[in-house]
N, C-alpha and C. Protein backbone atom coordinates (compact mmCIF):
# COMPACT_ATOMS: atom_id res chain seq x y z
N MET A 1 13.97 -1.21 -45.08
CA MET A 1 14.57 -2.41 -44.57
C MET A 1 14.01 -3.60 -45.34
N SER A 2 14.90 -4.48 -45.79
CA SER A 2 14.44 -5.66 -46.51
C SER A 2 13.85 -6.69 -45.54
N PHE A 3 13.07 -7.58 -46.11
CA PHE A 3 12.49 -8.62 -45.28
C PHE A 3 13.59 -9.46 -44.62
N GLN A 4 14.63 -9.77 -45.38
CA GLN A 4 15.73 -10.55 -44.80
C GLN A 4 16.40 -9.81 -43.65
N ALA A 5 16.48 -8.50 -43.73
CA ALA A 5 17.05 -7.71 -42.63
C ALA A 5 16.21 -7.87 -41.37
N TYR A 6 14.88 -7.89 -41.53
CA TYR A 6 14.01 -8.14 -40.38
C TYR A 6 14.33 -9.50 -39.76
N LEU A 7 14.43 -10.52 -40.63
CA LEU A 7 14.71 -11.87 -40.12
C LEU A 7 16.06 -11.95 -39.41
N ASP A 8 17.04 -11.25 -39.96
CA ASP A 8 18.38 -11.22 -39.34
C ASP A 8 18.31 -10.59 -37.95
N THR A 9 17.58 -9.50 -37.83
CA THR A 9 17.43 -8.82 -36.54
C THR A 9 16.68 -9.70 -35.54
N ILE A 10 15.66 -10.39 -36.00
CA ILE A 10 14.90 -11.30 -35.13
C ILE A 10 15.82 -12.41 -34.63
N LYS A 11 16.64 -12.95 -35.51
CA LYS A 11 17.59 -14.02 -35.09
C LYS A 11 18.57 -13.48 -34.05
N GLN A 12 19.07 -12.27 -34.24
CA GLN A 12 19.99 -11.68 -33.28
C GLN A 12 19.32 -11.49 -31.92
N LYS A 13 18.07 -11.04 -31.95
CA LYS A 13 17.37 -10.73 -30.69
C LYS A 13 16.90 -11.99 -29.97
N THR A 14 16.41 -12.98 -30.71
CA THR A 14 15.78 -14.15 -30.09
C THR A 14 16.65 -15.40 -30.12
N GLY A 15 17.65 -15.42 -31.01
CA GLY A 15 18.43 -16.64 -31.19
C GLY A 15 17.71 -17.66 -32.05
N LYS A 16 16.56 -17.28 -32.60
CA LYS A 16 15.75 -18.20 -33.41
C LYS A 16 15.69 -17.72 -34.85
N GLY A 17 15.93 -18.67 -35.76
CA GLY A 17 15.78 -18.37 -37.19
C GLY A 17 14.37 -18.62 -37.66
N PRO A 18 14.10 -18.33 -38.93
CA PRO A 18 12.73 -18.48 -39.45
C PRO A 18 12.16 -19.90 -39.29
N GLU A 19 12.99 -20.89 -39.59
CA GLU A 19 12.51 -22.27 -39.48
C GLU A 19 12.15 -22.63 -38.04
N GLU A 20 12.98 -22.17 -37.11
CA GLU A 20 12.72 -22.45 -35.69
C GLU A 20 11.43 -21.79 -35.23
N LEU A 21 11.17 -20.58 -35.70
CA LEU A 21 9.95 -19.88 -35.33
C LEU A 21 8.73 -20.54 -35.95
N GLN A 22 8.90 -21.08 -37.15
CA GLN A 22 7.79 -21.83 -37.76
C GLN A 22 7.46 -23.07 -36.94
N VAL A 23 8.48 -23.77 -36.47
CA VAL A 23 8.27 -24.95 -35.62
C VAL A 23 7.58 -24.57 -34.33
N LEU A 24 8.00 -23.46 -33.72
CA LEU A 24 7.38 -23.00 -32.49
C LEU A 24 5.92 -22.58 -32.73
N ALA A 25 5.63 -21.96 -33.86
CA ALA A 25 4.25 -21.58 -34.19
C ALA A 25 3.40 -22.83 -34.36
N ASP A 26 3.97 -23.89 -34.96
CA ASP A 26 3.26 -25.18 -35.07
C ASP A 26 2.94 -25.71 -33.67
N ALA A 27 3.95 -25.68 -32.79
CA ALA A 27 3.77 -26.21 -31.43
C ALA A 27 2.72 -25.42 -30.65
N LYS A 28 2.60 -24.13 -30.93
CA LYS A 28 1.61 -23.29 -30.26
C LYS A 28 0.22 -23.49 -30.85
N GLY A 29 0.14 -24.18 -32.00
CA GLY A 29 -1.15 -24.41 -32.63
C GLY A 29 -1.57 -23.31 -33.60
N PHE A 30 -0.68 -22.39 -33.90
CA PHE A 30 -1.00 -21.30 -34.82
C PHE A 30 -0.85 -21.72 -36.28
N SER A 31 0.00 -22.71 -36.51
CA SER A 31 0.29 -23.11 -37.88
C SER A 31 0.45 -24.64 -37.94
N GLU A 32 0.52 -25.09 -39.18
CA GLU A 32 0.76 -26.52 -39.44
C GLU A 32 1.76 -26.59 -40.57
N ALA A 33 2.84 -27.31 -40.36
CA ALA A 33 3.94 -27.41 -41.33
C ALA A 33 4.46 -26.02 -41.72
N GLY A 34 4.46 -25.12 -40.72
CA GLY A 34 5.01 -23.77 -40.94
C GLY A 34 4.10 -22.82 -41.65
N ARG A 35 2.87 -23.20 -41.92
CA ARG A 35 1.89 -22.34 -42.57
C ARG A 35 0.73 -22.04 -41.66
N LEU A 36 0.34 -20.79 -41.61
CA LEU A 36 -0.72 -20.34 -40.71
C LEU A 36 -2.00 -21.11 -40.94
N LYS A 37 -2.63 -21.52 -39.86
CA LYS A 37 -3.92 -22.20 -39.94
C LYS A 37 -5.02 -21.18 -40.25
N PRO A 38 -6.06 -21.63 -40.96
CA PRO A 38 -7.18 -20.71 -41.21
C PRO A 38 -7.77 -20.20 -39.91
N GLY A 39 -8.13 -18.95 -39.89
CA GLY A 39 -8.76 -18.34 -38.73
C GLY A 39 -7.79 -17.74 -37.73
N VAL A 40 -6.50 -18.00 -37.88
CA VAL A 40 -5.49 -17.40 -36.97
C VAL A 40 -5.23 -15.98 -37.47
N LYS A 41 -5.38 -15.04 -36.56
CA LYS A 41 -5.26 -13.61 -36.89
C LYS A 41 -3.86 -13.10 -36.61
N ALA A 42 -3.51 -12.04 -37.29
CA ALA A 42 -2.20 -11.41 -37.11
C ALA A 42 -1.98 -11.01 -35.66
N GLY A 43 -3.02 -10.50 -35.02
CA GLY A 43 -2.90 -10.08 -33.62
C GLY A 43 -2.48 -11.19 -32.68
N GLN A 44 -2.91 -12.41 -32.96
CA GLN A 44 -2.52 -13.55 -32.13
C GLN A 44 -1.02 -13.80 -32.26
N ILE A 45 -0.51 -13.72 -33.46
CA ILE A 45 0.92 -13.93 -33.70
C ILE A 45 1.73 -12.82 -33.05
N VAL A 46 1.27 -11.59 -33.24
CA VAL A 46 1.96 -10.44 -32.65
C VAL A 46 1.99 -10.55 -31.13
N ASP A 47 0.86 -10.87 -30.51
CA ASP A 47 0.80 -11.00 -29.06
C ASP A 47 1.75 -12.08 -28.56
N TRP A 48 1.79 -13.23 -29.25
CA TRP A 48 2.67 -14.34 -28.87
C TRP A 48 4.14 -13.90 -28.93
N LEU A 49 4.52 -13.28 -30.04
CA LEU A 49 5.93 -12.92 -30.23
C LEU A 49 6.35 -11.77 -29.32
N LYS A 50 5.44 -10.86 -29.04
CA LYS A 50 5.75 -9.80 -28.08
C LYS A 50 5.92 -10.38 -26.68
N SER A 51 5.04 -11.28 -26.31
CA SER A 51 5.07 -11.86 -24.96
C SER A 51 6.27 -12.78 -24.76
N ASP A 52 6.48 -13.69 -25.68
CA ASP A 52 7.53 -14.71 -25.50
C ASP A 52 8.92 -14.23 -25.89
N PHE A 53 9.01 -13.30 -26.82
CA PHE A 53 10.33 -12.91 -27.35
C PHE A 53 10.60 -11.41 -27.30
N ASP A 54 9.66 -10.63 -26.78
CA ASP A 54 9.81 -9.19 -26.68
C ASP A 54 10.07 -8.52 -28.04
N LEU A 55 9.47 -9.08 -29.10
CA LEU A 55 9.61 -8.48 -30.42
C LEU A 55 8.64 -7.31 -30.55
N GLY A 56 9.04 -6.33 -31.32
CA GLY A 56 8.17 -5.21 -31.64
C GLY A 56 7.15 -5.61 -32.69
N HIS A 57 6.22 -4.71 -32.94
CA HIS A 57 5.13 -4.99 -33.87
C HIS A 57 5.63 -5.31 -35.29
N GLY A 58 6.55 -4.51 -35.80
CA GLY A 58 7.05 -4.72 -37.16
C GLY A 58 7.75 -6.05 -37.34
N HIS A 59 8.56 -6.42 -36.37
CA HIS A 59 9.27 -7.70 -36.45
C HIS A 59 8.30 -8.87 -36.30
N ALA A 60 7.31 -8.71 -35.43
CA ALA A 60 6.30 -9.77 -35.28
C ALA A 60 5.50 -9.92 -36.57
N MET A 61 5.20 -8.82 -37.22
CA MET A 61 4.46 -8.88 -38.49
C MET A 61 5.29 -9.55 -39.59
N ALA A 62 6.61 -9.43 -39.51
CA ALA A 62 7.47 -10.13 -40.48
C ALA A 62 7.30 -11.64 -40.31
N ILE A 63 7.22 -12.11 -39.09
CA ILE A 63 7.00 -13.54 -38.85
C ILE A 63 5.60 -13.94 -39.31
N TYR A 64 4.62 -13.08 -39.11
CA TYR A 64 3.29 -13.35 -39.61
C TYR A 64 3.33 -13.51 -41.14
N ALA A 65 4.04 -12.61 -41.83
CA ALA A 65 4.17 -12.70 -43.28
C ALA A 65 4.83 -14.00 -43.69
N LEU A 66 5.82 -14.43 -42.94
CA LEU A 66 6.48 -15.71 -43.19
C LEU A 66 5.48 -16.86 -43.05
N LEU A 67 4.71 -16.84 -41.99
CA LEU A 67 3.74 -17.93 -41.73
C LEU A 67 2.62 -17.96 -42.74
N THR A 68 2.26 -16.80 -43.31
CA THR A 68 1.19 -16.76 -44.33
C THR A 68 1.71 -17.19 -45.68
N GLY A 69 3.02 -17.18 -45.84
CA GLY A 69 3.62 -17.53 -47.13
C GLY A 69 3.75 -16.33 -48.07
N LYS A 70 3.42 -15.15 -47.58
CA LYS A 70 3.54 -13.95 -48.41
C LYS A 70 5.01 -13.55 -48.62
N LYS A 71 5.83 -13.93 -47.67
CA LYS A 71 7.27 -13.64 -47.75
C LYS A 71 8.03 -14.92 -47.40
N LYS A 72 9.29 -14.95 -47.86
CA LYS A 72 10.14 -16.09 -47.53
C LYS A 72 11.55 -15.58 -47.25
N PRO A 73 12.35 -16.35 -46.52
CA PRO A 73 13.73 -15.90 -46.27
C PRO A 73 14.41 -15.53 -47.58
N GLY A 74 15.15 -14.46 -47.56
CA GLY A 74 15.86 -14.00 -48.73
C GLY A 74 15.15 -12.86 -49.45
N ASP A 75 13.85 -12.65 -49.15
CA ASP A 75 13.10 -11.56 -49.79
C ASP A 75 13.57 -10.22 -49.29
């Protein structure tokens, strides 16, 4: 599955696109300007997305990759 396919599935499930999730991560204090803050661990992002959006581990890790800058929409 491509990274973009993960993002598409996340949008279908949550109604939120990558940019919206980056804004929400900023509001939660996990990131700043859509980039993960130092010291924030993958488990924190996974727990948040599982709790608030009922995402599975793989899809939550896709958002973590987005927030770290390792992946971007279209990858």
